[in-house]
N, C-alpha and C. Protein backbone atom coordinates (compact mmCIF):
# COMPACT_ATOMS: atom_id res chain seq x y z
N MET A 1 68.56 56.82 24.17
CA MET A 1 69.56 57.10 25.18
C MET A 1 70.17 58.48 24.97
N LEU A 2 70.38 58.84 23.73
CA LEU A 2 70.96 60.15 23.44
C LEU A 2 70.03 61.26 23.90
N GLN A 3 68.73 61.07 23.70
CA GLN A 3 67.76 62.06 24.16
C GLN A 3 67.82 62.21 25.67
N ILE A 4 67.89 61.12 26.38
CA ILE A 4 67.99 61.16 27.85
C ILE A 4 69.23 61.93 28.26
N ALA A 5 70.35 61.63 27.63
CA ALA A 5 71.61 62.30 27.96
C ALA A 5 71.52 63.79 27.69
N ILE A 6 70.97 64.17 26.58
CA ILE A 6 70.87 65.60 26.24
C ILE A 6 69.96 66.33 27.21
N TYR A 7 68.79 65.77 27.47
CA TYR A 7 67.84 66.44 28.38
C TYR A 7 68.43 66.62 29.78
N PHE A 8 69.01 65.56 30.32
CA PHE A 8 69.52 65.65 31.68
C PHE A 8 70.79 66.50 31.77
N THR A 9 71.57 66.55 30.70
CA THR A 9 72.73 67.44 30.67
C THR A 9 72.28 68.89 30.72
N LEU A 10 71.30 69.24 29.90
CA LEU A 10 70.79 70.62 29.90
C LEU A 10 70.16 70.99 31.24
N LEU A 11 69.41 70.07 31.82
CA LEU A 11 68.81 70.34 33.13
C LEU A 11 69.89 70.53 34.19
N SER A 12 70.96 69.77 34.08
CA SER A 12 72.06 69.88 35.04
C SER A 12 72.65 71.28 35.05
N LEU A 13 72.77 71.87 33.90
CA LEU A 13 73.43 73.17 33.79
C LEU A 13 72.58 74.33 34.29
N VAL A 14 71.30 74.11 34.48
CA VAL A 14 70.44 75.18 35.00
C VAL A 14 69.87 74.85 36.38
N SER A 15 70.39 73.83 37.02
CA SER A 15 69.82 73.39 38.30
C SER A 15 70.39 74.20 39.46
N VAL A 16 70.08 75.48 39.46
CA VAL A 16 70.47 76.35 40.56
C VAL A 16 69.63 75.98 41.77
N GLY A 17 70.26 75.51 42.83
CA GLY A 17 69.51 75.10 44.01
C GLY A 17 69.27 73.61 44.06
N GLY A 18 69.85 72.86 43.15
CA GLY A 18 69.71 71.41 43.17
C GLY A 18 68.54 70.92 42.35
N ILE A 19 68.24 69.66 42.51
CA ILE A 19 67.21 69.00 41.71
C ILE A 19 65.82 69.61 41.88
N PRO A 20 65.42 70.09 43.08
CA PRO A 20 64.08 70.67 43.18
C PRO A 20 63.87 71.87 42.25
N SER A 21 64.94 72.56 41.92
CA SER A 21 64.79 73.74 41.08
C SER A 21 64.45 73.41 39.63
N VAL A 22 64.73 72.20 39.18
CA VAL A 22 64.44 71.84 37.80
C VAL A 22 63.31 70.81 37.68
N MET A 23 62.66 70.50 38.80
CA MET A 23 61.58 69.51 38.75
C MET A 23 60.46 69.89 37.79
N PRO A 24 60.00 71.15 37.74
CA PRO A 24 58.93 71.45 36.79
C PRO A 24 59.33 71.20 35.34
N GLU A 25 60.55 71.60 34.98
CA GLU A 25 61.00 71.38 33.61
C GLU A 25 61.23 69.89 33.34
N MET A 26 61.76 69.18 34.33
CA MET A 26 61.97 67.74 34.18
C MET A 26 60.63 67.04 33.98
N GLN A 27 59.65 67.43 34.77
CA GLN A 27 58.32 66.83 34.65
C GLN A 27 57.71 67.16 33.29
N ARG A 28 57.88 68.40 32.84
CA ARG A 28 57.35 68.81 31.53
C ARG A 28 57.98 67.98 30.41
N LEU A 29 59.30 67.82 30.46
CA LEU A 29 59.99 67.05 29.41
C LEU A 29 59.60 65.58 29.43
N VAL A 30 59.60 64.99 30.62
CA VAL A 30 59.38 63.56 30.74
C VAL A 30 57.92 63.18 30.52
N VAL A 31 57.00 64.00 31.03
CA VAL A 31 55.58 63.67 30.96
C VAL A 31 54.91 64.30 29.74
N ASP A 32 55.02 65.61 29.60
CA ASP A 32 54.27 66.31 28.57
C ASP A 32 54.91 66.22 27.18
N VAL A 33 56.20 66.45 27.11
CA VAL A 33 56.86 66.49 25.80
C VAL A 33 57.12 65.08 25.26
N GLN A 34 57.79 64.24 26.05
CA GLN A 34 58.16 62.91 25.57
C GLN A 34 57.11 61.83 25.83
N GLY A 35 56.27 62.02 26.84
CA GLY A 35 55.25 61.03 27.17
C GLY A 35 55.83 59.72 27.67
N TRP A 36 56.98 59.78 28.31
CA TRP A 36 57.63 58.58 28.80
C TRP A 36 56.90 57.98 30.00
N MET A 37 56.13 58.80 30.71
CA MET A 37 55.37 58.32 31.88
C MET A 37 54.27 59.32 32.18
N SER A 38 53.38 58.93 33.07
CA SER A 38 52.30 59.83 33.49
C SER A 38 52.81 60.75 34.59
N ALA A 39 52.04 61.79 34.86
CA ALA A 39 52.40 62.72 35.94
C ALA A 39 52.41 62.00 37.29
N ALA A 40 51.47 61.09 37.49
CA ALA A 40 51.42 60.34 38.75
C ALA A 40 52.66 59.44 38.89
N GLU A 41 53.07 58.80 37.80
CA GLU A 41 54.29 57.96 37.86
C GLU A 41 55.51 58.81 38.17
N PHE A 42 55.58 59.99 37.57
CA PHE A 42 56.70 60.89 37.84
C PHE A 42 56.76 61.25 39.32
N THR A 43 55.62 61.59 39.89
CA THR A 43 55.56 61.95 41.30
C THR A 43 55.92 60.76 42.18
N GLN A 44 55.49 59.57 41.79
CA GLN A 44 55.82 58.37 42.56
C GLN A 44 57.33 58.09 42.53
N LEU A 45 57.96 58.28 41.37
CA LEU A 45 59.41 58.08 41.28
C LEU A 45 60.14 59.10 42.15
N PHE A 46 59.65 60.34 42.15
CA PHE A 46 60.27 61.35 43.01
C PHE A 46 60.13 60.96 44.48
N ALA A 47 58.97 60.46 44.85
CA ALA A 47 58.75 60.04 46.25
C ALA A 47 59.68 58.89 46.62
N ILE A 48 59.87 57.94 45.72
CA ILE A 48 60.78 56.82 45.99
C ILE A 48 62.21 57.35 46.16
N ALA A 49 62.61 58.27 45.30
CA ALA A 49 63.96 58.84 45.39
C ALA A 49 64.15 59.59 46.71
N GLN A 50 63.12 60.27 47.18
CA GLN A 50 63.21 61.00 48.43
C GLN A 50 63.26 60.05 49.63
N ALA A 51 62.58 58.92 49.53
CA ALA A 51 62.56 57.97 50.63
C ALA A 51 63.85 57.17 50.73
N ALA A 52 64.54 57.02 49.61
CA ALA A 52 65.79 56.25 49.60
C ALA A 52 66.90 57.07 50.25
N PRO A 53 67.82 56.38 50.90
CA PRO A 53 68.97 57.12 51.45
C PRO A 53 69.84 57.65 50.31
N GLY A 54 70.38 58.82 50.52
CA GLY A 54 71.24 59.41 49.50
C GLY A 54 70.66 60.70 48.98
N PRO A 55 71.31 61.27 48.00
CA PRO A 55 70.87 62.57 47.48
C PRO A 55 69.59 62.46 46.66
N ASN A 56 68.86 63.57 46.59
CA ASN A 56 67.59 63.56 45.86
C ASN A 56 67.80 63.51 44.35
N VAL A 57 69.03 63.58 43.89
CA VAL A 57 69.33 63.47 42.47
C VAL A 57 69.07 62.05 41.95
N LEU A 58 68.83 61.12 42.86
CA LEU A 58 68.54 59.74 42.47
C LEU A 58 67.29 59.64 41.60
N VAL A 59 66.44 60.64 41.63
CA VAL A 59 65.24 60.61 40.79
C VAL A 59 65.63 60.55 39.32
N THR A 60 66.75 61.13 38.94
CA THR A 60 67.18 61.07 37.54
C THR A 60 67.46 59.63 37.13
N ALA A 61 68.11 58.87 38.02
CA ALA A 61 68.40 57.47 37.72
C ALA A 61 67.10 56.67 37.60
N LEU A 62 66.14 56.95 38.46
CA LEU A 62 64.87 56.23 38.40
C LEU A 62 64.11 56.54 37.11
N ILE A 63 64.15 57.79 36.69
CA ILE A 63 63.48 58.16 35.44
C ILE A 63 64.16 57.47 34.27
N GLY A 64 65.49 57.53 34.23
CA GLY A 64 66.22 56.85 33.15
C GLY A 64 65.96 55.36 33.14
N TRP A 65 65.91 54.74 34.33
CA TRP A 65 65.63 53.30 34.45
C TRP A 65 64.23 52.98 33.92
N LYS A 66 63.25 53.81 34.27
CA LYS A 66 61.87 53.60 33.81
C LYS A 66 61.78 53.68 32.29
N VAL A 67 62.57 54.60 31.70
CA VAL A 67 62.50 54.83 30.26
C VAL A 67 63.32 53.80 29.49
N ALA A 68 64.53 53.48 29.96
CA ALA A 68 65.43 52.65 29.15
C ALA A 68 66.19 51.61 29.96
N GLY A 69 65.68 51.19 31.08
CA GLY A 69 66.33 50.15 31.85
C GLY A 69 67.56 50.64 32.60
N LEU A 70 68.38 49.69 33.01
CA LEU A 70 69.56 50.00 33.82
C LEU A 70 70.50 50.97 33.11
N ALA A 71 70.74 50.74 31.83
CA ALA A 71 71.62 51.63 31.07
C ALA A 71 71.05 53.05 31.04
N GLY A 72 69.75 53.19 30.87
CA GLY A 72 69.11 54.50 30.87
C GLY A 72 69.26 55.20 32.21
N GLY A 73 69.16 54.44 33.30
CA GLY A 73 69.35 55.00 34.63
C GLY A 73 70.75 55.52 34.82
N MET A 74 71.72 54.76 34.36
CA MET A 74 73.11 55.19 34.50
C MET A 74 73.41 56.40 33.62
N VAL A 75 72.87 56.42 32.41
CA VAL A 75 73.08 57.57 31.52
C VAL A 75 72.44 58.82 32.11
N ALA A 76 71.21 58.71 32.59
CA ALA A 76 70.51 59.87 33.15
C ALA A 76 71.25 60.44 34.35
N LEU A 77 71.68 59.57 35.25
CA LEU A 77 72.39 60.02 36.44
C LEU A 77 73.72 60.68 36.07
N ALA A 78 74.47 60.05 35.19
CA ALA A 78 75.76 60.62 34.77
C ALA A 78 75.56 61.94 34.02
N ALA A 79 74.54 62.00 33.18
CA ALA A 79 74.29 63.21 32.41
C ALA A 79 73.86 64.36 33.31
N PHE A 80 73.21 64.05 34.41
CA PHE A 80 72.80 65.12 35.32
C PHE A 80 73.94 65.55 36.24
N CYS A 81 74.75 64.61 36.68
CA CYS A 81 75.80 64.93 37.66
C CYS A 81 77.08 65.47 37.03
N ALA A 82 77.51 64.89 35.92
CA ALA A 82 78.82 65.24 35.36
C ALA A 82 78.94 66.70 34.91
N PRO A 83 78.00 67.26 34.17
CA PRO A 83 78.18 68.65 33.72
C PRO A 83 78.24 69.66 34.87
N ALA A 84 77.38 69.50 35.86
CA ALA A 84 77.39 70.42 36.99
C ALA A 84 78.69 70.28 37.78
N ALA A 85 79.15 69.04 37.95
CA ALA A 85 80.40 68.82 38.66
C ALA A 85 81.58 69.43 37.90
N ALA A 86 81.61 69.25 36.60
CA ALA A 86 82.70 69.81 35.78
C ALA A 86 82.67 71.34 35.82
N LEU A 87 81.48 71.92 35.75
CA LEU A 87 81.35 73.37 35.82
C LEU A 87 81.80 73.89 37.18
N ALA A 88 81.37 73.25 38.24
CA ALA A 88 81.76 73.67 39.59
C ALA A 88 83.28 73.55 39.78
N TYR A 89 83.84 72.48 39.29
CA TYR A 89 85.28 72.28 39.43
C TYR A 89 86.06 73.33 38.62
N SER A 90 85.58 73.62 37.42
CA SER A 90 86.32 74.54 36.56
C SER A 90 86.28 75.98 37.04
N ILE A 91 85.22 76.40 37.69
CA ILE A 91 85.16 77.80 38.15
C ILE A 91 85.35 77.95 39.65
N GLY A 92 85.50 76.82 40.35
CA GLY A 92 85.62 76.86 41.81
C GLY A 92 86.77 77.71 42.32
N GLY A 93 87.94 77.58 41.72
CA GLY A 93 89.10 78.35 42.16
C GLY A 93 88.91 79.84 41.95
N PHE A 94 88.40 80.19 40.78
CA PHE A 94 88.13 81.60 40.48
C PHE A 94 87.10 82.17 41.44
N TRP A 95 86.05 81.42 41.67
CA TRP A 95 84.97 81.86 42.57
C TRP A 95 85.50 82.10 43.98
N ASP A 96 86.38 81.22 44.42
CA ASP A 96 86.97 81.37 45.75
C ASP A 96 87.87 82.60 45.82
N ARG A 97 88.64 82.85 44.78
CA ARG A 97 89.51 84.03 44.76
C ARG A 97 88.71 85.33 44.77
N MET A 98 87.50 85.29 44.27
CA MET A 98 86.67 86.50 44.18
C MET A 98 85.71 86.63 45.36
N ARG A 99 85.98 85.96 46.47
CA ARG A 99 85.02 85.93 47.58
C ARG A 99 84.71 87.31 48.14
N ASP A 100 85.63 88.26 48.04
CA ASP A 100 85.38 89.60 48.58
C ASP A 100 84.95 90.61 47.52
N ALA A 101 84.80 90.17 46.30
CA ALA A 101 84.40 91.08 45.22
C ALA A 101 82.94 91.49 45.39
N PRO A 102 82.65 92.78 45.23
CA PRO A 102 81.25 93.23 45.38
C PRO A 102 80.30 92.58 44.37
N TRP A 103 80.76 92.37 43.15
CA TRP A 103 79.88 91.78 42.13
C TRP A 103 79.48 90.36 42.51
N ARG A 104 80.37 89.62 43.20
CA ARG A 104 80.05 88.25 43.60
C ARG A 104 78.93 88.26 44.62
N LYS A 105 79.01 89.16 45.57
CA LYS A 105 77.95 89.24 46.59
C LYS A 105 76.62 89.64 45.96
N ASP A 106 76.67 90.57 45.01
CA ASP A 106 75.45 90.98 44.30
C ASP A 106 74.87 89.81 43.50
N PHE A 107 75.76 89.08 42.85
CA PHE A 107 75.33 87.92 42.05
C PHE A 107 74.67 86.87 42.94
N GLN A 108 75.26 86.60 44.08
CA GLN A 108 74.69 85.61 44.99
C GLN A 108 73.34 86.07 45.54
N ARG A 109 73.23 87.36 45.86
CA ARG A 109 71.93 87.88 46.33
C ARG A 109 70.88 87.80 45.23
N ALA A 110 71.29 88.00 44.00
CA ALA A 110 70.33 87.93 42.89
C ALA A 110 69.85 86.51 42.65
N LEU A 111 70.67 85.54 42.97
CA LEU A 111 70.28 84.14 42.76
C LEU A 111 69.26 83.64 43.79
N VAL A 112 69.17 84.29 44.93
CA VAL A 112 68.26 83.82 45.99
C VAL A 112 66.81 83.78 45.52
N PRO A 113 66.23 84.88 44.99
CA PRO A 113 64.82 84.79 44.58
C PRO A 113 64.61 83.84 43.39
N ILE A 114 65.61 83.73 42.53
CA ILE A 114 65.50 82.80 41.40
C ILE A 114 65.42 81.37 41.93
N THR A 115 66.30 81.04 42.85
CA THR A 115 66.33 79.69 43.42
C THR A 115 65.04 79.39 44.17
N VAL A 116 64.58 80.33 44.96
CA VAL A 116 63.33 80.13 45.70
C VAL A 116 62.17 79.92 44.73
N GLY A 117 62.12 80.70 43.68
CA GLY A 117 61.06 80.54 42.67
C GLY A 117 61.11 79.17 42.01
N PHE A 118 62.31 78.71 41.66
CA PHE A 118 62.46 77.38 41.07
C PHE A 118 61.96 76.30 42.02
N ILE A 119 62.33 76.41 43.27
CA ILE A 119 61.98 75.37 44.24
C ILE A 119 60.48 75.39 44.54
N VAL A 120 59.88 76.57 44.65
CA VAL A 120 58.44 76.66 44.87
C VAL A 120 57.67 76.07 43.68
N SER A 121 58.13 76.39 42.47
CA SER A 121 57.45 75.85 41.29
C SER A 121 57.61 74.33 41.24
N GLY A 122 58.76 73.81 41.67
CA GLY A 122 58.93 72.37 41.74
C GLY A 122 57.99 71.72 42.72
N GLY A 123 57.82 72.36 43.88
CA GLY A 123 56.87 71.86 44.86
C GLY A 123 55.45 71.86 44.33
N TYR A 124 55.10 72.89 43.59
CA TYR A 124 53.75 72.97 43.01
C TYR A 124 53.52 71.83 42.02
N VAL A 125 54.50 71.59 41.16
CA VAL A 125 54.36 70.52 40.17
C VAL A 125 54.21 69.16 40.85
N LEU A 126 55.01 68.93 41.89
CA LEU A 126 54.94 67.64 42.57
C LEU A 126 53.66 67.50 43.40
N ALA A 127 53.14 68.60 43.92
CA ALA A 127 51.94 68.54 44.76
C ALA A 127 50.67 68.40 43.94
N THR A 128 50.73 68.72 42.67
CA THR A 128 49.53 68.70 41.83
C THR A 128 49.76 67.91 40.55
N PRO A 129 50.06 66.60 40.62
CA PRO A 129 50.35 65.85 39.40
C PRO A 129 49.15 65.74 38.46
N GLN A 130 47.95 65.76 38.99
CA GLN A 130 46.76 65.67 38.15
C GLN A 130 46.10 67.03 37.96
N GLY A 131 46.77 68.08 38.33
CA GLY A 131 46.21 69.42 38.27
C GLY A 131 45.83 69.87 39.68
N PRO A 132 45.70 71.17 39.86
CA PRO A 132 45.40 71.69 41.21
C PRO A 132 44.00 71.30 41.67
N ASP A 133 43.88 70.98 42.95
CA ASP A 133 42.58 70.74 43.55
C ASP A 133 42.63 71.24 45.00
N TRP A 134 41.49 71.55 45.55
CA TRP A 134 41.40 72.15 46.88
C TRP A 134 41.90 71.25 48.00
N PRO A 135 41.54 69.98 48.02
CA PRO A 135 42.03 69.14 49.12
C PRO A 135 43.57 69.07 49.17
N SER A 136 44.19 68.92 48.02
CA SER A 136 45.66 68.87 47.99
C SER A 136 46.26 70.19 48.45
N ALA A 137 45.67 71.29 48.02
CA ALA A 137 46.18 72.61 48.41
C ALA A 137 46.04 72.80 49.92
N LEU A 138 44.93 72.37 50.49
CA LEU A 138 44.74 72.51 51.93
C LEU A 138 45.72 71.65 52.72
N ILE A 139 45.97 70.45 52.23
CA ILE A 139 46.95 69.58 52.90
C ILE A 139 48.33 70.21 52.84
N ALA A 140 48.70 70.76 51.69
CA ALA A 140 50.01 71.39 51.54
C ALA A 140 50.15 72.61 52.45
N VAL A 141 49.12 73.44 52.51
CA VAL A 141 49.17 74.64 53.36
C VAL A 141 49.21 74.24 54.84
N ALA A 142 48.40 73.26 55.21
CA ALA A 142 48.41 72.81 56.61
C ALA A 142 49.76 72.20 56.99
N SER A 143 50.36 71.45 56.08
CA SER A 143 51.68 70.87 56.34
C SER A 143 52.74 71.95 56.49
N ALA A 144 52.70 72.94 55.60
CA ALA A 144 53.67 74.04 55.69
C ALA A 144 53.49 74.81 56.98
N ALA A 145 52.25 75.06 57.38
CA ALA A 145 51.99 75.77 58.62
C ALA A 145 52.48 74.96 59.82
N ALA A 146 52.25 73.67 59.80
CA ALA A 146 52.71 72.82 60.90
C ALA A 146 54.24 72.80 60.97
N LEU A 147 54.89 72.74 59.83
CA LEU A 147 56.36 72.78 59.81
C LEU A 147 56.88 74.09 60.38
N TYR A 148 56.22 75.17 60.04
CA TYR A 148 56.66 76.49 60.47
C TYR A 148 56.36 76.73 61.96
N ALA A 149 55.20 76.28 62.42
CA ALA A 149 54.74 76.64 63.76
C ALA A 149 55.17 75.66 64.85
N THR A 150 55.59 74.46 64.47
CA THR A 150 55.94 73.47 65.48
C THR A 150 57.37 72.99 65.30
N ARG A 151 57.80 72.21 66.24
CA ARG A 151 59.13 71.60 66.16
C ARG A 151 59.02 70.11 65.89
N LEU A 152 57.88 69.71 65.32
CA LEU A 152 57.67 68.31 65.00
C LEU A 152 58.66 67.86 63.93
N ASN A 153 59.03 66.60 63.98
CA ASN A 153 59.86 66.03 62.95
C ASN A 153 59.09 66.08 61.63
N PRO A 154 59.71 66.55 60.55
CA PRO A 154 59.00 66.63 59.26
C PRO A 154 58.43 65.30 58.79
N LEU A 155 59.02 64.19 59.21
CA LEU A 155 58.49 62.89 58.80
C LEU A 155 57.09 62.64 59.36
N TRP A 156 56.83 63.14 60.59
CA TRP A 156 55.48 63.00 61.15
C TRP A 156 54.48 63.82 60.34
N ILE A 157 54.89 65.01 59.97
CA ILE A 157 53.99 65.87 59.18
C ILE A 157 53.77 65.26 57.80
N LEU A 158 54.82 64.73 57.20
CA LEU A 158 54.70 64.07 55.90
C LEU A 158 53.78 62.86 56.00
N SER A 159 53.95 62.08 57.05
CA SER A 159 53.09 60.91 57.25
C SER A 159 51.63 61.32 57.44
N GLY A 160 51.43 62.36 58.24
CA GLY A 160 50.07 62.84 58.45
C GLY A 160 49.42 63.33 57.16
N GLY A 161 50.19 64.05 56.37
CA GLY A 161 49.67 64.50 55.08
C GLY A 161 49.35 63.34 54.17
N GLY A 162 50.18 62.30 54.18
CA GLY A 162 49.93 61.12 53.36
C GLY A 162 48.67 60.40 53.79
N VAL A 163 48.49 60.24 55.09
CA VAL A 163 47.29 59.57 55.62
C VAL A 163 46.05 60.38 55.28
N LEU A 164 46.14 61.69 55.49
CA LEU A 164 44.99 62.54 55.17
C LEU A 164 44.67 62.52 53.69
N GLY A 165 45.71 62.56 52.85
CA GLY A 165 45.49 62.48 51.40
C GLY A 165 44.85 61.17 50.98
N ALA A 166 45.33 60.07 51.59
CA ALA A 166 44.73 58.76 51.27
C ALA A 166 43.28 58.69 51.70
N ALA A 167 42.97 59.31 52.84
CA ALA A 167 41.58 59.30 53.34
C ALA A 167 40.66 60.15 52.45
N LEU A 168 41.18 61.26 51.96
CA LEU A 168 40.36 62.16 51.14
C LEU A 168 40.20 61.70 49.70
N PHE A 169 41.15 60.95 49.22
CA PHE A 169 41.11 60.56 47.82
C PHE A 169 40.82 59.10 47.72
């Protein structure tokens, strides 16, 4: 339990852009370093968390539950949410007072490519749980193109990608 708390606390403090930004490191810790589950199980838990109503941070509770039962789920969720919330609360007033400071605007602009990089790497990890392969890459590119080029509801595109993936694999 202590390991779960430490890992999720550290991930919480670097989760610029939310949970997608730390997915690669979370997957590395949970699958590669600790061996608590397989890459496919990790991806399945993420999919369940995304399908459930509520924030995508629920994946932390599912991982903790898989590793150590209900108590592990509660520890993982609290360890991920509490540090970021405490940090945001403690610097929120100062950050608001500095809204017109030039350094704040520069800092925020500098965070944009970092956040985008984190999120793209998270998408890559989730899209390739067994390693990269051409069919998965083509489905991902086609889905991204459809999202960009059409006004279709993303759920239809997600469903289509799932059906196509099931047919190909």
